[in-house]
PDB file of N, CA and C in Angstrom:
ATOM      1  N   MET A   1       0.850  -1.185   0.000  1.00  0.00           N
ATOM      2  CA  MET A   1       0.000   0.000   0.000  1.00  0.00           C
ATOM      3  C   MET A   1       0.887   1.237   0.000  1.00  0.00           C
ATOM      4  N   THR A   2       0.554   2.190  -0.815  1.00  0.00           N
ATOM      5  CA  THR A   2       1.313   3.426  -0.906  1.00  0.00           C
ATOM      6  C   THR A   2       0.640   4.506  -0.074  1.00  0.00           C
ATOM      7  N   THR A   3       1.414   5.236   0.688  1.00  0.00           N
ATOM      8  CA  THR A   3       0.879   6.340   1.463  1.00  0.00           C
ATOM      9  C   THR A   3       0.631   7.523   0.539  1.00  0.00           C
ATOM     10  N   THR A   4      -0.537   8.118   0.628  1.00  0.00           N
ATOM     11  CA  THR A   4      -0.866   9.282  -0.185  1.00  0.00           C
ATOM     12  C   THR A   4      -1.298  10.415   0.725  1.00  0.00           C
ATOM     13  N   ILE A   5      -1.491  11.580   0.159  1.00  0.00           N
ATOM     14  CA  ILE A   5      -1.958  12.719   0.944  1.00  0.00           C
ATOM     15  C   ILE A   5      -3.355  12.429   1.503  1.00  0.00           C
ATOM     16  N   GLU A   6      -4.105  11.521   0.828  1.00  0.00           N
ATOM     17  CA  GLU A   6      -5.436  11.155   1.301  1.00  0.00           C
ATOM     18  C   GLU A   6      -5.374  10.230   2.518  1.00  0.00           C
ATOM     19  N   ALA A   7      -4.278   9.491   2.675  1.00  0.00           N
ATOM     20  CA  ALA A   7      -4.108   8.574   3.793  1.00  0.00           C
ATOM     21  C   ALA A   7      -2.741   8.825   4.419  1.00  0.00           C
ATOM     22  N   PRO A   8      -2.585   9.947   5.125  1.00  0.00           N
ATOM     23  CA  PRO A   8      -1.254  10.324   5.608  1.00  0.00           C
ATOM     24  C   PRO A   8      -0.773   9.484   6.780  1.00  0.00           C
ATOM     25  N   THR A   9       0.521   9.443   6.913  1.00  0.00           N
ATOM     26  CA  THR A   9       1.149   8.878   8.095  1.00  0.00           C
ATOM     27  C   THR A   9       2.214   9.861   8.539  1.00  0.00           C
ATOM     28  N   GLN A  10       2.670   9.691   9.738  1.00  0.00           N
ATOM     29  CA  GLN A  10       3.742  10.549  10.226  1.00  0.00           C
ATOM     30  C   GLN A  10       5.038   9.951   9.698  1.00  0.00           C
ATOM     31  N   THR A  11       5.593  10.568   8.693  1.00  0.00           N
ATOM     32  CA  THR A  11       6.709   9.996   7.974  1.00  0.00           C
ATOM     33  C   THR A  11       7.851  10.991   7.830  1.00  0.00           C
ATOM     34  N   HIS A  12       9.029  10.462   7.629  1.00  0.00           N
ATOM     35  CA  HIS A  12      10.200  11.306   7.395  1.00  0.00           C
ATOM     36  C   HIS A  12      10.216  11.835   5.968  1.00  0.00           C
ATOM     37  N   ASP A  13       9.329  11.312   5.115  1.00  0.00           N
ATOM     38  CA  ASP A  13       9.300  11.682   3.708  1.00  0.00           C
ATOM     39  C   ASP A  13       8.516  12.964   3.453  1.00  0.00           C
ATOM     40  N   LEU A  14       8.187  13.699   4.480  1.00  0.00           N
ATOM     41  CA  LEU A  14       7.427  14.936   4.341  1.00  0.00           C
ATOM     42  C   LEU A  14       8.388  16.119   4.406  1.00  0.00           C
ATOM     43  N   GLN A  15       8.344  16.944   3.377  1.00  0.00           N
ATOM     44  CA  GLN A  15       9.149  18.157   3.360  1.00  0.00           C
ATOM     45  C   GLN A  15       8.214  19.327   3.130  1.00  0.00           C
ATOM     46  N   VAL A  16       8.448  20.416   3.838  1.00  0.00           N
ATOM     47  CA  VAL A  16       7.613  21.603   3.718  1.00  0.00           C
ATOM     48  C   VAL A  16       8.495  22.777   3.317  1.00  0.00           C
ATOM     49  N   ARG A  17       8.116  23.432   2.230  1.00  0.00           N
ATOM     50  CA  ARG A  17       8.815  24.647   1.806  1.00  0.00           C
ATOM     51  C   ARG A  17       8.037  25.833   2.351  1.00  0.00           C
ATOM     52  N   THR A  18       8.741  26.766   2.994  1.00  0.00           N
ATOM     53  CA  THR A  18       8.092  27.920   3.615  1.00  0.00           C
ATOM     54  C   THR A  18       8.644  29.216   3.045  1.00  0.00           C
ATOM     55  N   ASP A  19       7.899  30.296   3.274  1.00  0.00           N
ATOM     56  CA  ASP A  19       8.422  31.615   2.917  1.00  0.00           C
ATOM     57  C   ASP A  19       9.297  32.109   4.062  1.00  0.00           C
ATOM     58  N   ALA A  20       9.805  33.315   3.964  1.00  0.00           N
ATOM     59  CA  ALA A  20      10.717  33.863   4.979  1.00  0.00           C
ATOM     60  C   ALA A  20      10.062  33.974   6.351  1.00  0.00           C
ATOM     61  N   ALA A  21       8.737  34.132   6.389  1.00  0.00           N
ATOM     62  CA  ALA A  21       8.013  34.248   7.660  1.00  0.00           C
ATOM     63  C   ALA A  21       7.632  32.884   8.244  1.00  0.00           C
ATOM     64  N   GLY A  22       7.919  31.780   7.524  1.00  0.00           N
ATOM     65  CA  GLY A  22       7.613  30.445   8.029  1.00  0.00           C
ATOM     66  C   GLY A  22       6.298  29.870   7.540  1.00  0.00           C
ATOM     67  N   LYS A  23       5.563  30.588   6.691  1.00  0.00           N
ATOM     68  CA  LYS A  23       4.283  30.098   6.170  1.00  0.00           C
ATOM     69  C   LYS A  23       4.539  29.050   5.081  1.00  0.00           C
ATOM     70  N   PRO A  24       3.884  27.878   5.169  1.00  0.00           N
ATOM     71  CA  PRO A  24       4.074  26.845   4.150  1.00  0.00           C
ATOM     72  C   PRO A  24       3.639  27.313   2.763  1.00  0.00           C
ATOM     73  N   LEU A  25       4.455  26.981   1.761  1.00  0.00           N
ATOM     74  CA  LEU A  25       4.163  27.287   0.360  1.00  0.00           C
ATOM     75  C   LEU A  25       3.892  26.019  -0.440  1.00  0.00           C
ATOM     76  N   ALA A  26       4.565  24.919  -0.063  1.00  0.00           N
ATOM     77  CA  ALA A  26       4.422  23.656  -0.775  1.00  0.00           C
ATOM     78  C   ALA A  26       4.798  22.513   0.154  1.00  0.00           C
ATOM     79  N   ILE A  27       4.222  21.334  -0.137  1.00  0.00           N
ATOM     80  CA  ILE A  27       4.482  20.124   0.645  1.00  0.00           C
ATOM     81  C   ILE A  27       4.917  19.034  -0.324  1.00  0.00           C
ATOM     82  N   ARG A  28       6.041  18.393  -0.043  1.00  0.00           N
ATOM     83  CA  ARG A  28       6.470  17.230  -0.815  1.00  0.00           C
ATOM     84  C   ARG A  28       6.196  15.998   0.038  1.00  0.00           C
ATOM     85  N   HIS A  29       5.348  15.122  -0.495  1.00  0.00           N
ATOM     86  CA  HIS A  29       4.975  13.909   0.237  1.00  0.00           C
ATOM     87  C   HIS A  29       4.930  12.747  -0.739  1.00  0.00           C
ATOM     88  N   GLU A  30       5.717  11.701  -0.456  1.00  0.00           N
ATOM     89  CA  GLU A  30       5.773  10.517  -1.313  1.00  0.00           C
ATOM     90  C   GLU A  30       6.092  10.878  -2.763  1.00  0.00           C
ATOM     91  N   GLY A  31       7.005  11.828  -2.956  1.00  0.00           N
ATOM     92  CA  GLY A  31       7.446  12.190  -4.282  1.00  0.00           C
ATOM     93  C   GLY A  31       6.534  13.142  -5.048  1.00  0.00           C
ATOM     94  N   ARG A  32       5.413  13.537  -4.459  1.00  0.00           N
ATOM     95  CA  ARG A  32       4.483  14.466  -5.118  1.00  0.00           C
ATOM     96  C   ARG A  32       4.556  15.819  -4.423  1.00  0.00           C
ATOM     97  N   ILE A  33       4.421  16.877  -5.202  1.00  0.00           N
ATOM     98  CA  ILE A  33       4.450  18.220  -4.640  1.00  0.00           C
ATOM     99  C   ILE A  33       3.038  18.791  -4.649  1.00  0.00           C
ATOM    100  N   TRP A  34       2.572  19.159  -3.457  1.00  0.00           N
ATOM    101  CA  TRP A  34       1.252  19.763  -3.262  1.00  0.00           C
ATOM    102  C   TRP A  34       1.477  21.242  -2.983  1.00  0.00           C
ATOM    103  N   LEU A  35       0.920  22.102  -3.812  1.00  0.00           N
ATOM    104  CA  LEU A  35       1.099  23.545  -3.647  1.00  0.00           C
ATOM    105  C   LEU A  35       0.022  24.121  -2.751  1.00  0.00           C
ATOM    106  N   VAL A  36       0.424  24.988  -1.842  1.00  0.00           N
ATOM    107  CA  VAL A  36      -0.535  25.686  -0.986  1.00  0.00           C
ATOM    108  C   VAL A  36      -1.265  26.706  -1.846  1.00  0.00           C
ATOM    109  N   ASP A  37      -2.586  26.689  -1.790  1.00  0.00           N
ATOM    110  CA  ASP A  37      -3.399  27.612  -2.586  1.00  0.00           C
ATOM    111  C   ASP A  37      -3.248  29.025  -2.034  1.00  0.00           C
ATOM    112  N   PRO A  38      -2.724  29.961  -2.837  1.00  0.00           N
ATOM    113  CA  PRO A  38      -2.508  31.326  -2.343  1.00  0.00           C
ATOM    114  C   PRO A  38      -3.801  32.113  -2.151  1.00  0.00           C
ATOM    115  N   ASP A  39      -4.911  31.616  -2.710  1.00  0.00           N
ATOM    116  CA  ASP A  39      -6.187  32.332  -2.606  1.00  0.00           C
ATOM    117  C   ASP A  39      -7.004  31.930  -1.383  1.00  0.00           C
ATOM    118  N   THR A  40      -6.498  31.003  -0.579  1.00  0.00           N
ATOM    119  CA  THR A  40      -7.217  30.589   0.635  1.00  0.00           C
ATOM    120  C   THR A  40      -6.459  31.049   1.872  1.00  0.00           C
ATOM    121  N   GLU A  41      -7.183  31.189   2.946  1.00  0.00           N
ATOM    122  CA  GLU A  41      -6.613  31.651   4.214  1.00  0.00           C
ATOM    123  C   GLU A  41      -5.971  30.482   4.965  1.00  0.00           C
ATOM    124  N   SER A  42      -4.718  30.623   5.337  1.00  0.00           N
ATOM    125  CA  SER A  42      -4.033  29.613   6.141  1.00  0.00           C
ATOM    126  C   SER A  42      -4.233  29.932   7.613  1.00  0.00           C
ATOM    127  N   GLN A  43      -4.279  28.893   8.435  1.00  0.00           N
ATOM    128  CA  GLN A  43      -4.407  29.078   9.881  1.00  0.00           C
ATOM    129  C   GLN A  43      -3.106  28.638  10.538  1.00  0.00           C
ATOM    130  N   HIS A  44      -2.681  29.399  11.544  1.00  0.00           N
ATOM    131  CA  HIS A  44      -1.425  29.130  12.239  1.00  0.00           C
ATOM    132  C   HIS A  44      -1.668  29.270  13.730  1.00  0.00           C
ATOM    133  N   TRP A  45      -1.240  28.270  14.513  1.00  0.00           N
ATOM    134  CA  TRP A  45      -1.397  28.349  15.956  1.00  0.00           C
ATOM    135  C   TRP A  45      -0.358  27.453  16.633  1.00  0.00           C
ATOM    136  N   TYR A  46      -0.286  27.586  17.935  1.00  0.00           N
ATOM    137  CA  TYR A  46       0.626  26.772  18.741  1.00  0.00           C
ATOM    138  C   TYR A  46      -0.168  26.022  19.789  1.00  0.00           C
ATOM    139  N   GLY A  47       0.204  24.778  20.018  1.00  0.00           N
ATOM    140  CA  GLY A  47      -0.328  23.980  21.110  1.00  0.00           C
ATOM    141  C   GLY A  47       0.797  23.745  22.100  1.00  0.00           C
ATOM    142  N   ARG A  48       0.514  23.001  23.131  1.00  0.00           N
ATOM    143  CA  ARG A  48       1.534  22.716  24.149  1.00  0.00           C
ATOM    144  C   ARG A  48       1.806  21.228  24.238  1.00  0.00           C
ATOM    145  N   ASP A  49       3.076  20.888  24.295  1.00  0.00           N
ATOM    146  CA  ASP A  49       3.497  19.508  24.471  1.00  0.00           C
ATOM    147  C   ASP A  49       3.209  19.093  25.912  1.00  0.00           C
ATOM    148  N   ALA A  50       2.871  17.843  26.104  1.00  0.00           N
ATOM    149  CA  ALA A  50       2.613  17.329  27.453  1.00  0.00           C
ATOM    150  C   ALA A  50       3.959  16.992  28.102  1.00  0.00           C
ATOM    151  N   TRP A  51       4.701  18.016  28.441  1.00  0.00           N
ATOM    152  CA  TRP A  51       6.050  17.831  28.976  1.00  0.00           C
ATOM    153  C   TRP A  51       6.061  16.989  30.240  1.00  0.00           C
ATOM    154  N   TRP A  52       4.973  16.986  30.986  1.00  0.00           N
ATOM    155  CA  TRP A  52       4.916  16.234  32.236  1.00  0.00           C
ATOM    156  C   TRP A  52       4.832  14.728  31.979  1.00  0.00           C
ATOM    157  N   ASP A  53       4.470  14.315  30.748  1.00  0.00           N
ATOM    158  CA  ASP A  53       4.397  12.898  30.409  1.00  0.00           C
ATOM    159  C   ASP A  53       5.719  12.348  29.886  1.00  0.00           C
ATOM    160  N   THR A  54       6.720  13.180  29.766  1.00  0.00           N
ATOM    161  CA  THR A  54       8.011  12.726  29.248  1.00  0.00           C
ATOM    162  C   THR A  54       9.046  12.770  30.356  1.00  0.00           C
ATOM    163  N   ARG A  55      10.142  12.164  30.090  1.00  0.00           N
ATOM    164  CA  ARG A  55      11.248  12.183  31.053  1.00  0.00           C
ATOM    165  C   ARG A  55      12.369  13.088  30.552  1.00  0.00           C
ATOM    166  N   ARG A  56      12.018  14.000  29.648  1.00  0.00           N
ATOM    167  CA  ARG A  56      13.024  14.903  29.091  1.00  0.00           C
ATOM    168  C   ARG A  56      13.388  15.985  30.099  1.00  0.00           C
ATOM    169  N   THR A  57      14.644  16.282  30.129  1.00  0.00           N
ATOM    170  CA  THR A  57      15.115  17.408  30.917  1.00  0.00           C
ATOM    171  C   THR A  57      15.920  18.292  29.984  1.00  0.00           C
ATOM    172  N   ALA A  58      16.044  19.526  30.345  1.00  0.00           N
ATOM    173  CA  ALA A  58      16.793  20.453  29.496  1.00  0.00           C
ATOM    174  C   ALA A  58      17.530  21.444  30.373  1.00  0.00           C
ATOM    175  N   ALA A  59      18.648  21.865  29.850  1.00  0.00           N
ATOM    176  CA  ALA A  59      19.436  22.868  30.555  1.00  0.00           C
ATOM    177  C   ALA A  59      18.742  24.220  30.458  1.00  0.00           C
ATOM    178  N   VAL A  60      18.983  25.052  31.444  1.00  0.00           N
ATOM    179  CA  VAL A  60      18.444  26.409  31.424  1.00  0.00           C
ATOM    180  C   VAL A  60      18.920  27.106  30.155  1.00  0.00           C
ATOM    181  N   GLY A  61      18.019  27.805  29.481  1.00  0.00           N
ATOM    182  CA  GLY A  61      18.365  28.523  28.267  1.00  0.00           C
ATOM    183  C   GLY A  61      18.279  27.692  26.999  1.00  0.00           C
ATOM    184  N   SER A  62      17.702  26.477  27.089  1.00  0.00           N
ATOM    185  CA  SER A  62      17.598  25.597  25.912  1.00  0.00           C
ATOM    186  C   SER A  62      16.595  26.083  24.886  1.00  0.00           C
ATOM    187  N   GLY A  63      15.712  26.969  25.272  1.00  0.00           N
ATOM    188  CA  GLY A  63      14.693  27.450  24.344  1.00  0.00           C
ATOM    189  C   GLY A  63      13.324  26.920  24.715  1.00  0.00           C
ATOM    190  N   ASP A  64      12.366  27.166  23.831  1.00  0.00           N
ATOM    191  CA  ASP A  64      10.977  26.748  24.049  1.00  0.00           C
ATOM    192  C   ASP A  64      10.848  25.260  23.763  1.00  0.00           C
ATOM    193  N   LEU A  65      10.630  24.471  24.789  1.00  0.00           N
ATOM    194  CA  LEU A  65      10.557  23.020  24.641  1.00  0.00           C
ATOM    195  C   LEU A  65       9.124  22.485  24.687  1.00  0.00           C
ATOM    196  N   VAL A  66       8.128  23.357  24.738  1.00  0.00           N
ATOM    197  CA  VAL A  66       6.754  22.876  24.874  1.00  0.00           C
ATOM    198  C   VAL A  66       5.806  23.347  23.780  1.00  0.00           C
ATOM    199  N   SER A  67       6.173  24.319  22.959  1.00  0.00           N
ATOM    200  CA  SER A  67       5.263  24.846  21.947  1.00  0.00           C
ATOM    201  C   SER A  67       5.304  23.999  20.673  1.00  0.00           C
ATOM    202  N   ILE A  68       4.176  23.385  20.330  1.00  0.00           N
ATOM    203  CA  ILE A  68       4.035  22.619  19.095  1.00  0.00           C
ATOM    204  C   ILE A  68       3.394  23.533  18.059  1.00  0.00           C
ATOM    205  N   GLU A  69       4.061  23.702  16.923  1.00  0.00           N
ATOM    206  CA  GLU A  69       3.570  24.590  15.874  1.00  0.00           C
ATOM    207  C   GLU A  69       2.628  23.834  14.942  1.00  0.00           C
ATOM    208  N   PHE A  70       1.511  24.455  14.598  1.00  0.00           N
ATOM    209  CA  PHE A  70       0.534  23.880  13.668  1.00  0.00           C
ATOM    210  C   PHE A  70       0.259  24.864  12.538  1.00  0.00           C
ATOM    211  N   TRP A  71       0.046  24.334  11.350  1.00  0.00           N
ATOM    212  CA  TRP A  71      -0.442  25.094  10.197  1.00  0.00           C
ATOM    213  C   TRP A  71      -1.551  24.287   9.551  1.00  0.00           C
ATOM    214  N   ARG A  72      -2.673  24.916   9.250  1.00  0.00           N
ATOM    215  CA  ARG A  72      -3.737  24.296   8.457  1.00  0.00           C
ATOM    216  C   ARG A  72      -3.813  25.072   7.157  1.00  0.00           C
ATOM    217  N   VAL A  73      -3.539  24.375   6.048  1.00  0.00           N
ATOM    218  CA  VAL A  73      -3.484  25.009   4.740  1.00  0.00           C
ATOM    219  C   VAL A  73      -4.305  24.190   3.747  1.00  0.00           C
ATOM    220  N   GLN A  74      -4.671  24.836   2.660  1.00  0.00           N
ATOM    221  CA  GLN A  74      -5.344  24.118   1.582  1.00  0.00           C
ATOM    222  C   GLN A  74      -4.351  23.952   0.448  1.00  0.00           C
ATOM    223  N   VAL A  75      -4.253  22.717  -0.044  1.00  0.00           N
ATOM    224  CA  VAL A  75      -3.268  22.378  -1.060  1.00  0.00           C
ATOM    225  C   VAL A  75      -3.951  21.722  -2.257  1.00  0.00           C
ATOM    226  N   ARG A  76      -3.241  21.747  -3.378  1.00  0.00           N
ATOM    227  CA  ARG A  76      -3.711  21.016  -4.554  1.00  0.00           C
ATOM    228  C   ARG A  76      -2.506  20.467  -5.296  1.00  0.00           C
ATOM    229  N   PHE A  77      -2.746  19.339  -5.973  1.00  0.00           N
ATOM    230  CA  PHE A  77      -1.728  18.702  -6.803  1.00  0.00           C
ATOM    231  C   PHE A  77      -1.992  19.133  -8.232  1.00  0.00           C
ATOM    232  N   GLY A  78      -1.137  19.976  -8.762  1.00  0.00           N
ATOM    233  CA  GLY A  78      -1.360  20.517 -10.098  1.00  0.00           C
ATOM    234  C   GLY A  78      -2.403  21.621 -10.066  1.00  0.00           C
ATOM    235  N   ASN A  79      -2.768  22.108 -11.234  1.00  0.00           N
ATOM    236  CA  ASN A  79      -3.713  23.232 -11.316  1.00  0.00           C
ATOM    237  C   ASN A  79      -5.173  22.816 -11.306  1.00  0.00           C
ATOM    238  N   THR A  80      -5.459  21.545 -11.574  1.00  0.00           N
ATOM    239  CA  THR A  80      -6.850  21.138 -11.744  1.00  0.00           C
ATOM    240  C   THR A  80      -7.385  20.235 -10.647  1.00  0.00           C
ATOM    241  N   SER A  81      -6.563  19.781  -9.742  1.00  0.00           N
ATOM    242  CA  SER A  81      -7.051  18.867  -8.701  1.00  0.00           C
ATOM    243  C   SER A  81      -7.887  19.623  -7.677  1.00  0.00           C
ATOM    244  N   ALA A  82      -8.715  18.879  -6.963  1.00  0.00           N
ATOM    245  CA  ALA A  82      -9.538  19.463  -5.911  1.00  0.00           C
ATOM    246  C   ALA A  82      -8.662  19.890  -4.745  1.00  0.00           C
ATOM    247  N   LEU A  83      -9.115  20.890  -4.020  1.00  0.00           N
ATOM    248  CA  LEU A  83      -8.390  21.340  -2.825  1.00  0.00           C
ATOM    249  C   LEU A  83      -8.507  20.304  -1.726  1.00  0.00           C
ATOM    250  N   ARG A  84      -7.430  20.144  -0.979  1.00  0.00           N
ATOM    251  CA  ARG A  84      -7.399  19.297   0.213  1.00  0.00           C
ATOM    252  C   ARG A  84      -6.972  20.183   1.374  1.00  0.00           C
ATOM    253  N   THR A  85      -7.550  19.973   2.541  1.00  0.00           N
ATOM    254  CA  THR A  85      -7.141  20.690   3.740  1.00  0.00           C
ATOM    255  C   THR A  85      -6.151  19.807   4.487  1.00  0.00           C
ATOM    256  N   VAL A  86      -4.985  20.360   4.789  1.00  0.00           N
ATOM    257  CA  VAL A  86      -3.903  19.614   5.430  1.00  0.00           C
ATOM    258  C   VAL A  86      -3.495  20.344   6.699  1.00  0.00           C
ATOM    259  N   THR A  87      -3.320  19.592   7.770  1.00  0.00           N
ATOM    260  CA  THR A  87      -2.794  20.158   9.014  1.00  0.00           C
ATOM    261  C   THR A  87      -1.393  19.603   9.232  1.00  0.00           C
ATOM    262  N   LEU A  88      -0.440  20.502   9.358  1.00  0.00           N
ATOM    263  CA  LEU A  88       0.955  20.155   9.594  1.00  0.00           C
ATOM    264  C   LEU A  88       1.300  20.438  11.040  1.00  0.00           C
ATOM    265  N   ARG A  89       2.220  19.648  11.586  1.00  0.00           N
ATOM    266  CA  ARG A  89       2.621  19.822  12.981  1.00  0.00           C
ATOM    267  C   ARG A  89       4.131  19.702  13.068  1.00  0.00           C
ATOM    268  N   ARG A  90       4.718  20.550  13.932  1.00  0.00           N
ATOM    269  CA  ARG A  90       6.166  20.481  14.177  1.00  0.00           C
ATOM    270  C   ARG A  90       6.400  20.572  15.672  1.00  0.00           C
ATOM    271  N   LYS A  91       7.112  19.577  16.193  1.00  0.00           N
ATOM    272  CA  LYS A  91       7.405  19.540  17.628  1.00  0.00           C
ATOM    273  C   LYS A  91       8.422  20.611  18.004  1.00  0.00           C
ATOM    274  N   PRO A  92       8.489  20.949  19.287  1.00  0.00           N
ATOM    275  CA  PRO A  92       9.414  21.989  19.741  1.00  0.00           C
ATOM    276  C   PRO A  92      10.857  21.721  19.310  1.00  0.00           C
ATOM    277  N   LEU A  93      11.496  22.760  18.814  1.00  0.00           N
ATOM    278  CA  LEU A  93      12.900  22.752  18.399  1.00  0.00           C
ATOM    279  C   LEU A  93      13.212  21.772  17.268  1.00  0.00           C
ATOM    280  N   SER A  94      12.192  21.237  16.609  1.00  0.00           N
ATOM    281  CA  SER A  94      12.403  20.287  15.524  1.00  0.00           C
ATOM    282  C   SER A  94      12.382  21.004  14.179  1.00  0.00           C
ATOM    283  N   THR A  95      13.120  20.483  13.233  1.00  0.00           N
ATOM    284  CA  THR A  95      13.065  20.998  11.864  1.00  0.00           C
ATOM    285  C   THR A  95      12.185  20.109  10.992  1.00  0.00           C
ATOM    286  N   ARG A  96      11.748  18.970  11.523  1.00  0.00           N
ATOM    287  CA  ARG A  96      10.948  18.008  10.770  1.00  0.00           C
ATOM    288  C   ARG A  96       9.457  18.253  10.974  1.00  0.00           C
ATOM    289  N   TRP A  97       8.707  18.292   9.860  1.00  0.00           N
ATOM    290  CA  TRP A  97       7.257  18.447   9.907  1.00  0.00           C
ATOM    291  C   TRP A  97       6.594  17.086   9.868  1.00  0.00           C
ATOM    292  N   LEU A  98       5.421  16.991  10.493  1.00  0.00           N
ATOM    293  CA  LEU A  98       4.591  15.789  10.445  1.00  0.00           C
ATOM    294  C   LEU A  98       3.247  16.149   9.836  1.00  0.00           C
ATOM    295  N   LEU A  99       2.666  15.217   9.076  1.00  0.00           N
ATOM    296  CA  LEU A  99       1.339  15.395   8.519  1.00  0.00           C
ATOM    297  C   LEU A  99       0.354  14.936   9.577  1.00  0.00           C
ATOM    298  N   ASP A 100      -0.371  15.877  10.168  1.00  0.00           N
ATOM    299  CA  ASP A 100      -1.240  15.589  11.304  1.00  0.00           C
ATOM    300  C   ASP A 100      -2.621  15.137  10.867  1.00  0.00           C
ATOM    301  N   SER A 101      -3.201  15.781   9.850  1.00  0.00           N
ATOM    302  CA  SER A 101      -4.516  15.391   9.356  1.00  0.00           C
ATOM    303  C   SER A 101      -4.724  15.925   7.951  1.00  0.00           C
ATOM    304  N   THR A 102      -5.718  15.364   7.273  1.00  0.00           N
ATOM    305  CA  THR A 102      -6.062  15.802   5.930  1.00  0.00           C
ATOM    306  C   THR A 102      -7.534  15.513   5.669  1.00  0.00           C
ATOM    307  N   SER A 103      -8.137  16.303   4.797  1.00  0.00           N
ATOM    308  CA  SER A 103      -9.528  16.084   4.406  1.00  0.00           C
ATOM    309  C   SER A 103      -9.798  16.834   3.119  1.00  0.00           C
ATOM    310  N   ASP A 104     -10.973  16.568   2.512  1.00  0.00           N
ATOM    311  CA  ASP A 104     -11.395  17.402   1.395  1.00  0.00           C
ATOM    312  C   ASP A 104     -11.582  18.800   1.906  1.00  0.00           C
ATOM    313  N   ALA A 105     -11.415  19.796   1.052  1.00  0.00           N
ATOM    314  CA  ALA A 105     -11.477  21.197   1.460  1.00  0.00           C
ATOM    315  C   ALA A 105     -12.809  21.582   2.060  1.00  0.00           C
ATOM    316  N   ASP A 106     -13.898  20.922   1.647  1.00  0.00           N
ATOM    317  CA  ASP A 106     -15.217  21.305   2.141  1.00  0.00           C
ATOM    318  C   ASP A 106     -15.714  20.418   3.278  1.00  0.00           C
ATOM    319  N   GLU A 107     -14.865  19.485   3.771  1.00  0.00           N
ATOM    320  CA  GLU A 107     -15.246  18.623   4.872  1.00  0.00           C
ATOM    321  C   GLU A 107     -14.582  19.067   6.155  1.00  0.00           C
ATOM    322  N   THR A 108     -15.071  18.565   7.263  1.00  0.00           N
ATOM    323  CA  THR A 108     -14.415  18.789   8.549  1.00  0.00           C
ATOM    324  C   THR A 108     -13.136  17.981   8.581  1.00  0.00           C
ATOM    325  N   THR A 109     -12.064  18.569   9.059  1.00  0.00           N
ATOM    326  CA  THR A 109     -10.764  17.884   9.113  1.00  0.00           C
ATOM    327  C   THR A 109     -10.798  16.786  10.156  1.00  0.00           C
ATOM    328  N   GLU A 110     -10.290  15.611   9.772  1.00  0.00           N
ATOM    329  CA  GLU A 110     -10.215  14.493  10.702  1.00  0.00           C
ATOM    330  C   GLU A 110      -8.759  14.240  11.040  1.00  0.00           C
ATOM    331  N   GLU A 111      -8.505  13.951  12.301  1.00  0.00           N
ATOM    332  CA  GLU A 111      -7.134  13.677  12.721  1.00  0.00           C
ATOM    333  C   GLU A 111      -6.749  12.278  12.312  1.00  0.00           C
ATOM    334  N   VAL A 112      -5.459  12.132  12.048  1.00  0.00           N
ATOM    335  CA  VAL A 112      -4.922  10.851  11.627  1.00  0.00           C
ATOM    336  C   VAL A 112      -4.398  10.104  12.822  1.00  0.00           C
TER     337      VAL A 112
END
């Protein structure tokens, strides 16, 4: 079975291209490039990691270790495909993005 944007998994094969401000412009997943639709509104927010459930410790001054970054964007493959709503997640201090959820643009987003 091949993983597609319709059936995402949390994989290392996800790359996100961003602008200078950090807003996603394109997503590469399983060798396909999904472009963020510039005519739709992107949502950006932060959640909190459950630091109390981990055994991680950090030295003073290590930075923000609890803020999880989220982006919800609408993407399309090529110029004619239907829009898909994708939620991306990045753990604190990580450079790697995870595909958190996906749905058709007009449906409620379901978590993976």
